[in-house]
Amino acid sequence: MPRLYAIADREALGARSLPGAVAAMAAAGVRWIQMRAKGAAGGDLFDLAAACCEALVGSGAALWLDDRADVAALLPVGGLHLGQHDLPPAAARPLLAPGVLVGRSTHDLSQLAAAAADPAVDVIALGPIFATASKRQPDPVVGLAVLQAARRLTRKPLVAIGGIDEDNLAAVLAAGADSAAVLSAACRGDVAASCRQLVALAG
């Protein structure tokens, strides 16, 4: 799986185009890109997601959608990422096309163990690893020690998320994450330049 997982967040991007940012991330070498547009209404969310899918045609990158299995079922996405309060993975799975991956957010070792045992979950995210400003009410920081413990608990692909940037990316991967998810570090300034640096650091 890709060592870097970029999140294109509409709020973090501000006035910049979400499909444009997704295209820039793919051009920089990012292969898993999650589109996040919290609060977007159904029609708006579908239009944004469809435009992001179109932006990735021929790029070799896969689009992941956040939360919404109903929208993911209608589009050629590569994955659906579900939080602890979203539709359960087993309920979402039958809605999705064959081959679409299901990711699950976890915030402690108990949640991670449950995701590891769930046959409907393909990819597990753990975090926040470090303090993050991208969520209004973030879960408690888990740190690298919990990430290392999580690695010992599952063989499923493990994505670390939360406060990851160019300064701590290498430490996160060394602690056992298969991939590091970046939001603020990927969406700030020149998206393509930021993502090229992160892809290079991830190796």
C-alpha atoms as a PDB file:
ATOM      1  CA  MET A   1       0.000   0.000   0.000  1.00  0.00           C
ATOM      2  CA  PRO A   2       1.177   3.603  -0.467  1.00  0.00           C
ATOM      3  CA  ARG A   3       3.394   4.966   2.280  1.00  0.00           C
ATOM      4  CA  LEU A   4       1.572   8.289   2.104  1.00  0.00           C
ATOM      5  CA  TYR A   5      -2.189   8.836   2.322  1.00  0.00           C
ATOM      6  CA  ALA A   6      -3.228  12.434   1.652  1.00  0.00           C
ATOM      7  CA  ILE A   7      -6.508  13.963   2.777  1.00  0.00           C
ATOM      8  CA  ALA A   8      -7.932  16.748   0.640  1.00  0.00           C
ATOM      9  CA  ASP A   9     -10.064  18.645   3.137  1.00  0.00           C
ATOM     10  CA  ARG A  10     -12.409  21.357   1.869  1.00  0.00           C
ATOM     11  CA  GLU A  11     -12.120  23.417   5.048  1.00  0.00           C
ATOM     12  CA  ALA A  12      -8.322  23.264   5.101  1.00  0.00           C
ATOM     13  CA  LEU A  13      -8.149  24.229   1.425  1.00  0.00           C
ATOM     14  CA  GLY A  14     -10.331  27.294   1.908  1.00  0.00           C
ATOM     15  CA  ALA A  15     -11.153  28.967  -1.398  1.00  0.00           C
ATOM     16  CA  ARG A  16      -9.020  26.540  -3.391  1.00  0.00           C
ATOM     17  CA  SER A  17     -10.715  23.924  -5.569  1.00  0.00           C
ATOM     18  CA  LEU A  18     -11.139  20.518  -3.962  1.00  0.00           C
ATOM     19  CA  PRO A  19     -10.942  18.614  -7.280  1.00  0.00           C
ATOM     20  CA  GLY A  20      -7.969  20.780  -8.215  1.00  0.00           C
ATOM     21  CA  ALA A  21      -6.191  19.853  -4.985  1.00  0.00           C
ATOM     22  CA  VAL A  22      -6.925  16.169  -5.565  1.00  0.00           C
ATOM     23  CA  ALA A  23      -5.427  16.421  -9.061  1.00  0.00           C
ATOM     24  CA  ALA A  24      -2.355  18.208  -7.689  1.00  0.00           C
ATOM     25  CA  MET A  25      -1.850  15.518  -5.040  1.00  0.00           C
ATOM     26  CA  ALA A  26      -2.012  12.784  -7.683  1.00  0.00           C
ATOM     27  CA  ALA A  27       0.402  14.668  -9.938  1.00  0.00           C
ATOM     28  CA  ALA A  28       2.812  14.875  -6.990  1.00  0.00           C
ATOM     29  CA  GLY A  29       2.829  11.090  -6.669  1.00  0.00           C
ATOM     30  CA  VAL A  30       0.198  10.475  -3.971  1.00  0.00           C
ATOM     31  CA  ARG A  31      -1.665   7.248  -4.730  1.00  0.00           C
ATOM     32  CA  TRP A  32      -4.326   7.189  -1.991  1.00  0.00           C
ATOM     33  CA  ILE A  33      -6.277  10.433  -1.643  1.00  0.00           C
ATOM     34  CA  GLN A  34      -9.228  10.904   0.650  1.00  0.00           C
ATOM     35  CA  MET A  35     -11.787  13.588  -0.119  1.00  0.00           C
ATOM     36  CA  ARG A  36     -13.231  15.195   2.998  1.00  0.00           C
ATOM     37  CA  ALA A  37     -16.048  17.735   2.882  1.00  0.00           C
ATOM     38  CA  LYS A  38     -17.650  17.708   6.317  1.00  0.00           C
ATOM     39  CA  GLY A  39     -21.108  19.249   6.365  1.00  0.00           C
ATOM     40  CA  ALA A  40     -21.644  19.065   2.602  1.00  0.00           C
ATOM     41  CA  ALA A  41     -25.226  18.306   1.649  1.00  0.00           C
ATOM     42  CA  GLY A  42     -25.982  15.157  -0.349  1.00  0.00           C
ATOM     43  CA  GLY A  43     -26.134  16.748  -3.785  1.00  0.00           C
ATOM     44  CA  ASP A  44     -23.135  18.989  -3.187  1.00  0.00           C
ATOM     45  CA  LEU A  45     -21.132  16.089  -1.812  1.00  0.00           C
ATOM     46  CA  PHE A  46     -21.982  13.888  -4.795  1.00  0.00           C
ATOM     47  CA  ASP A  47     -20.991  16.622  -7.263  1.00  0.00           C
ATOM     48  CA  LEU A  48     -17.687  17.222  -5.448  1.00  0.00           C
ATOM     49  CA  ALA A  49     -16.896  13.526  -5.279  1.00  0.00           C
ATOM     50  CA  ALA A  50     -17.765  13.009  -8.945  1.00  0.00           C
ATOM     51  CA  ALA A  51     -15.497  15.923  -9.909  1.00  0.00           C
ATOM     52  CA  CYS A  52     -12.682  14.448  -7.806  1.00  0.00           C
ATOM     53  CA  CYS A  53     -13.109  11.060  -9.481  1.00  0.00           C
ATOM     54  CA  GLU A  54     -12.944  12.778 -12.858  1.00  0.00           C
ATOM     55  CA  ALA A  55      -9.809  14.653 -11.794  1.00  0.00           C
ATOM     56  CA  LEU A  56      -8.056  11.339 -11.083  1.00  0.00           C
ATOM     57  CA  VAL A  57      -8.878   9.558 -14.337  1.00  0.00           C
ATOM     58  CA  GLY A  58      -5.654   8.186 -15.789  1.00  0.00           C
ATOM     59  CA  SER A  59      -3.551   9.266 -12.795  1.00  0.00           C
ATOM     60  CA  GLY A  60      -3.148   5.879 -11.144  1.00  0.00           C
ATOM     61  CA  ALA A  61      -4.401   7.344  -7.857  1.00  0.00           C
ATOM     62  CA  ALA A  62      -7.440   6.030  -5.969  1.00  0.00           C
ATOM     63  CA  LEU A  63     -10.023   8.279  -4.361  1.00  0.00           C
ATOM     64  CA  TRP A  64     -11.297   7.461  -0.887  1.00  0.00           C
ATOM     65  CA  LEU A  65     -14.535   8.944   0.378  1.00  0.00           C
ATOM     66  CA  ASP A  66     -15.101   9.906   3.977  1.00  0.00           C
ATOM     67  CA  ASP A  67     -18.150   8.581   5.872  1.00  0.00           C
ATOM     68  CA  ARG A  68     -20.744   8.237   3.106  1.00  0.00           C
ATOM     69  CA  ALA A  69     -21.331   4.719   1.831  1.00  0.00           C
ATOM     70  CA  ASP A  70     -24.326   5.850  -0.223  1.00  0.00           C
ATOM     71  CA  VAL A  71     -22.212   8.265  -2.264  1.00  0.00           C
ATOM     72  CA  ALA A  72     -19.322   5.805  -2.547  1.00  0.00           C
ATOM     73  CA  ALA A  73     -21.747   3.248  -3.993  1.00  0.00           C
ATOM     74  CA  LEU A  74     -22.484   5.560  -6.937  1.00  0.00           C
ATOM     75  CA  LEU A  75     -18.948   6.438  -7.984  1.00  0.00           C
ATOM     76  CA  PRO A  76     -15.718   4.700  -9.112  1.00  0.00           C
ATOM     77  CA  VAL A  77     -13.906   5.146  -5.805  1.00  0.00           C
ATOM     78  CA  GLY A  78     -11.091   3.039  -4.440  1.00  0.00           C
ATOM     79  CA  GLY A  79     -12.104   3.139  -0.811  1.00  0.00           C
ATOM     80  CA  LEU A  80     -14.587   4.232   1.846  1.00  0.00           C
ATOM     81  CA  HIS A  81     -13.344   5.417   5.230  1.00  0.00           C
ATOM     82  CA  LEU A  82     -15.697   5.003   8.179  1.00  0.00           C
ATOM     83  CA  GLY A  83     -15.464   6.597  11.605  1.00  0.00           C
ATOM     84  CA  GLN A  84     -16.600   5.038  14.847  1.00  0.00           C
ATOM     85  CA  HIS A  85     -19.991   6.758  14.575  1.00  0.00           C
ATOM     86  CA  ASP A  86     -20.584   6.060  10.885  1.00  0.00           C
ATOM     87  CA  LEU A  87     -22.342   3.110   9.289  1.00  0.00           C
ATOM     88  CA  PRO A  88     -20.755  -0.148  10.541  1.00  0.00           C
ATOM     89  CA  PRO A  89     -18.348  -1.661   8.004  1.00  0.00           C
ATOM     90  CA  ALA A  90     -20.411  -4.850   7.685  1.00  0.00           C
ATOM     91  CA  ALA A  91     -23.471  -2.775   6.748  1.00  0.00           C
ATOM     92  CA  ALA A  92     -21.536  -0.620   4.280  1.00  0.00           C
ATOM     93  CA  ARG A  93     -19.766  -3.471   2.503  1.00  0.00           C
ATOM     94  CA  PRO A  94     -22.784  -4.799   0.514  1.00  0.00           C
ATOM     95  CA  LEU A  95     -23.388  -1.316  -0.923  1.00  0.00           C
ATOM     96  CA  LEU A  96     -19.941  -1.069  -2.467  1.00  0.00           C
ATOM     97  CA  ALA A  97     -18.612  -2.338  -5.759  1.00  0.00           C
ATOM     98  CA  PRO A  98     -16.272  -5.347  -5.669  1.00  0.00           C
ATOM     99  CA  GLY A  99     -12.729  -4.323  -4.900  1.00  0.00           C
ATOM    100  CA  VAL A 100     -13.599  -1.130  -3.005  1.00  0.00           C
ATOM    101  CA  LEU A 101     -11.639  -1.101   0.258  1.00  0.00           C
ATOM    102  CA  VAL A 102     -13.183  -0.259   3.619  1.00  0.00           C
ATOM    103  CA  GLY A 103     -11.175   1.668   6.191  1.00  0.00           C
ATOM    104  CA  ARG A 104     -12.050   2.121   9.858  1.00  0.00           C
ATOM    105  CA  SER A 105     -10.982   4.865  12.253  1.00  0.00           C
ATOM    106  CA  THR A 106      -9.767   3.737  15.674  1.00  0.00           C
ATOM    107  CA  HIS A 107      -8.637   5.804  18.628  1.00  0.00           C
ATOM    108  CA  ASP A 108      -7.394   3.243  21.130  1.00  0.00           C
ATOM    109  CA  LEU A 109      -6.235  -0.358  21.248  1.00  0.00           C
ATOM    110  CA  SER A 110      -9.685  -1.702  22.093  1.00  0.00           C
ATOM    111  CA  GLN A 111     -11.212  -0.153  18.969  1.00  0.00           C
ATOM    112  CA  LEU A 112      -8.235  -1.302  16.940  1.00  0.00           C
ATOM    113  CA  ALA A 113      -8.625  -4.894  18.131  1.00  0.00           C
ATOM    114  CA  ALA A 114     -12.303  -4.811  17.133  1.00  0.00           C
ATOM    115  CA  ALA A 115     -11.410  -3.519  13.662  1.00  0.00           C
ATOM    116  CA  ALA A 116      -8.691  -6.136  13.334  1.00  0.00           C
ATOM    117  CA  ALA A 117     -11.246  -8.871  14.053  1.00  0.00           C
ATOM    118  CA  ASP A 118     -13.880  -7.435  11.695  1.00  0.00           C
ATOM    119  CA  PRO A 119     -13.767  -9.197   8.297  1.00  0.00           C
ATOM    120  CA  ALA A 120     -15.490  -6.195   6.687  1.00  0.00           C
ATOM    121  CA  VAL A 121     -12.511  -3.920   7.518  1.00  0.00           C
ATOM    122  CA  ASP A 122      -9.594  -3.882   5.082  1.00  0.00           C
ATOM    123  CA  VAL A 123      -7.535  -0.962   6.416  1.00  0.00           C
ATOM    124  CA  ILE A 124      -7.266   0.361   9.982  1.00  0.00           C
ATOM    125  CA  ALA A 125      -6.500   3.975  10.841  1.00  0.00           C
ATOM    126  CA  LEU A 126      -5.191   4.853  14.299  1.00  0.00           C
ATOM    127  CA  GLY A 127      -4.941   8.314  15.772  1.00  0.00           C
ATOM    128  CA  PRO A 128      -4.469  11.021  16.526  1.00  0.00           C
ATOM    129  CA  ILE A 129      -0.812  10.119  16.839  1.00  0.00           C
ATOM    130  CA  PHE A 130       0.079  13.739  17.621  1.00  0.00           C
ATOM    131  CA  ALA A 131      -1.985  16.799  18.514  1.00  0.00           C
ATOM    132  CA  THR A 132      -4.078  17.968  15.580  1.00  0.00           C
ATOM    133  CA  ALA A 133      -6.024  21.099  14.777  1.00  0.00           C
ATOM    134  CA  SER A 134      -7.961  19.591  11.871  1.00  0.00           C
ATOM    135  CA  LYS A 135     -10.812  18.390  14.101  1.00  0.00           C
ATOM    136  CA  ARG A 136     -12.905  20.601  16.366  1.00  0.00           C
ATOM    137  CA  GLN A 137     -13.180  17.899  19.046  1.00  0.00           C
ATOM    138  CA  PRO A 138     -10.211  15.567  18.526  1.00  0.00           C
ATOM    139  CA  ASP A 139      -9.842  12.301  20.375  1.00  0.00           C
ATOM    140  CA  PRO A 140      -6.999  12.027  22.911  1.00  0.00           C
ATOM    141  CA  VAL A 141      -3.505  11.772  21.448  1.00  0.00           C
ATOM    142  CA  VAL A 142      -2.287   8.176  21.378  1.00  0.00           C
ATOM    143  CA  GLY A 143       1.401   8.705  20.565  1.00  0.00           C
ATOM    144  CA  LEU A 144       4.018   6.489  18.982  1.00  0.00           C
ATOM    145  CA  ALA A 145       4.048   3.912  21.788  1.00  0.00           C
ATOM    146  CA  VAL A 146       0.414   3.020  21.167  1.00  0.00           C
ATOM    147  CA  LEU A 147       1.115   2.896  17.441  1.00  0.00           C
ATOM    148  CA  GLN A 148       3.894   0.384  18.110  1.00  0.00           C
ATOM    149  CA  ALA A 149       1.526  -1.692  20.259  1.00  0.00           C
ATOM    150  CA  ALA A 150      -1.124  -1.531  17.548  1.00  0.00           C
ATOM    151  CA  ARG A 151       1.338  -2.878  15.023  1.00  0.00           C
ATOM    152  CA  ARG A 152       1.782  -5.956  17.178  1.00  0.00           C
ATOM    153  CA  LEU A 153      -1.991  -6.513  17.371  1.00  0.00           C
ATOM    154  CA  THR A 154      -2.825  -6.694  13.679  1.00  0.00           C
ATOM    155  CA  ARG A 155      -1.441  -7.686  10.307  1.00  0.00           C
ATOM    156  CA  LYS A 156      -4.014  -5.563   8.497  1.00  0.00           C
ATOM    157  CA  PRO A 157      -2.723  -2.431   6.769  1.00  0.00           C
ATOM    158  CA  LEU A 158      -2.272   0.253   9.422  1.00  0.00           C
ATOM    159  CA  VAL A 159      -2.565   3.967   8.694  1.00  0.00           C
ATOM    160  CA  ALA A 160      -1.361   6.485  11.271  1.00  0.00           C
ATOM    161  CA  ILE A 161      -3.217   9.793  11.352  1.00  0.00           C
ATOM    162  CA  GLY A 162      -3.220  13.027  13.310  1.00  0.00           C
ATOM    163  CA  GLY A 163      -0.669  15.822  13.395  1.00  0.00           C
ATOM    164  CA  ILE A 164       1.694  14.130  10.949  1.00  0.00           C
ATOM    165  CA  ASP A 165       3.968  16.375   8.894  1.00  0.00           C
ATOM    166  CA  GLU A 166       7.400  16.428   7.307  1.00  0.00           C
ATOM    167  CA  ASP A 167       9.087  16.623  10.723  1.00  0.00           C
ATOM    168  CA  ASN A 168       7.609  13.446  12.228  1.00  0.00           C
ATOM    169  CA  LEU A 169       6.628  11.393   9.170  1.00  0.00           C
ATOM    170  CA  ALA A 170       9.727   9.188   9.304  1.00  0.00           C
ATOM    171  CA  ALA A 171       9.198   8.422  13.005  1.00  0.00           C
ATOM    172  CA  VAL A 172       5.597   7.375  12.357  1.00  0.00           C
ATOM    173  CA  LEU A 173       6.595   4.951   9.621  1.00  0.00           C
ATOM    174  CA  ALA A 174       9.454   3.615  11.724  1.00  0.00           C
ATOM    175  CA  ALA A 175       6.999   2.939  14.566  1.00  0.00           C
ATOM    176  CA  GLY A 176       5.151   0.430  12.389  1.00  0.00           C
ATOM    177  CA  ALA A 177       2.589   2.295  10.311  1.00  0.00           C
ATOM    178  CA  ASP A 178       2.230   1.025   6.769  1.00  0.00           C
ATOM    179  CA  SER A 179       1.098   4.480   5.694  1.00  0.00           C
ATOM    180  CA  ALA A 180       0.932   7.976   7.155  1.00  0.00           C
ATOM    181  CA  ALA A 181      -2.140  10.124   6.581  1.00  0.00           C
ATOM    182  CA  VAL A 182      -1.488  13.830   6.183  1.00  0.00           C
ATOM    183  CA  LEU A 183      -4.071  16.596   6.049  1.00  0.00           C
ATOM    184  CA  SER A 184      -2.755  20.015   7.062  1.00  0.00           C
ATOM    185  CA  ALA A 185       0.723  19.266   5.720  1.00  0.00           C
ATOM    186  CA  ALA A 186      -0.755  18.264   2.351  1.00  0.00           C
ATOM    187  CA  CYS A 187      -3.295  21.071   2.008  1.00  0.00           C
ATOM    188  CA  ARG A 188      -1.215  24.098   2.942  1.00  0.00           C
ATOM    189  CA  GLY A 189       0.417  26.461   0.456  1.00  0.00           C
ATOM    190  CA  ASP A 190       1.322  24.916  -2.885  1.00  0.00           C
ATOM    191  CA  VAL A 191      -0.414  21.532  -2.627  1.00  0.00           C
ATOM    192  CA  ALA A 192       1.668  19.887  -5.342  1.00  0.00           C
ATOM    193  CA  ALA A 193       4.978  21.063  -3.855  1.00  0.00           C
ATOM    194  CA  SER A 194       3.954  20.078  -0.316  1.00  0.00           C
ATOM    195  CA  CYS A 195       2.889  16.607  -1.467  1.00  0.00           C
ATOM    196  CA  ARG A 196       6.037  16.052  -3.541  1.00  0.00           C
ATOM    197  CA  GLN A 197       8.109  16.673  -0.423  1.00  0.00           C
ATOM    198  CA  LEU A 198       5.960  14.349   1.676  1.00  0.00           C
ATOM    199  CA  VAL A 199       6.034  11.577  -0.941  1.00  0.00           C
ATOM    200  CA  ALA A 200       9.828  11.829  -1.101  1.00  0.00           C
ATOM    201  CA  LEU A 201      10.120  11.651   2.700  1.00  0.00           C
ATOM    202  CA  ALA A 202       7.773   8.674   2.898  1.00  0.00           C
ATOM    203  CA  GLY A 203       9.915   6.747   0.434  1.00  0.00           C
END
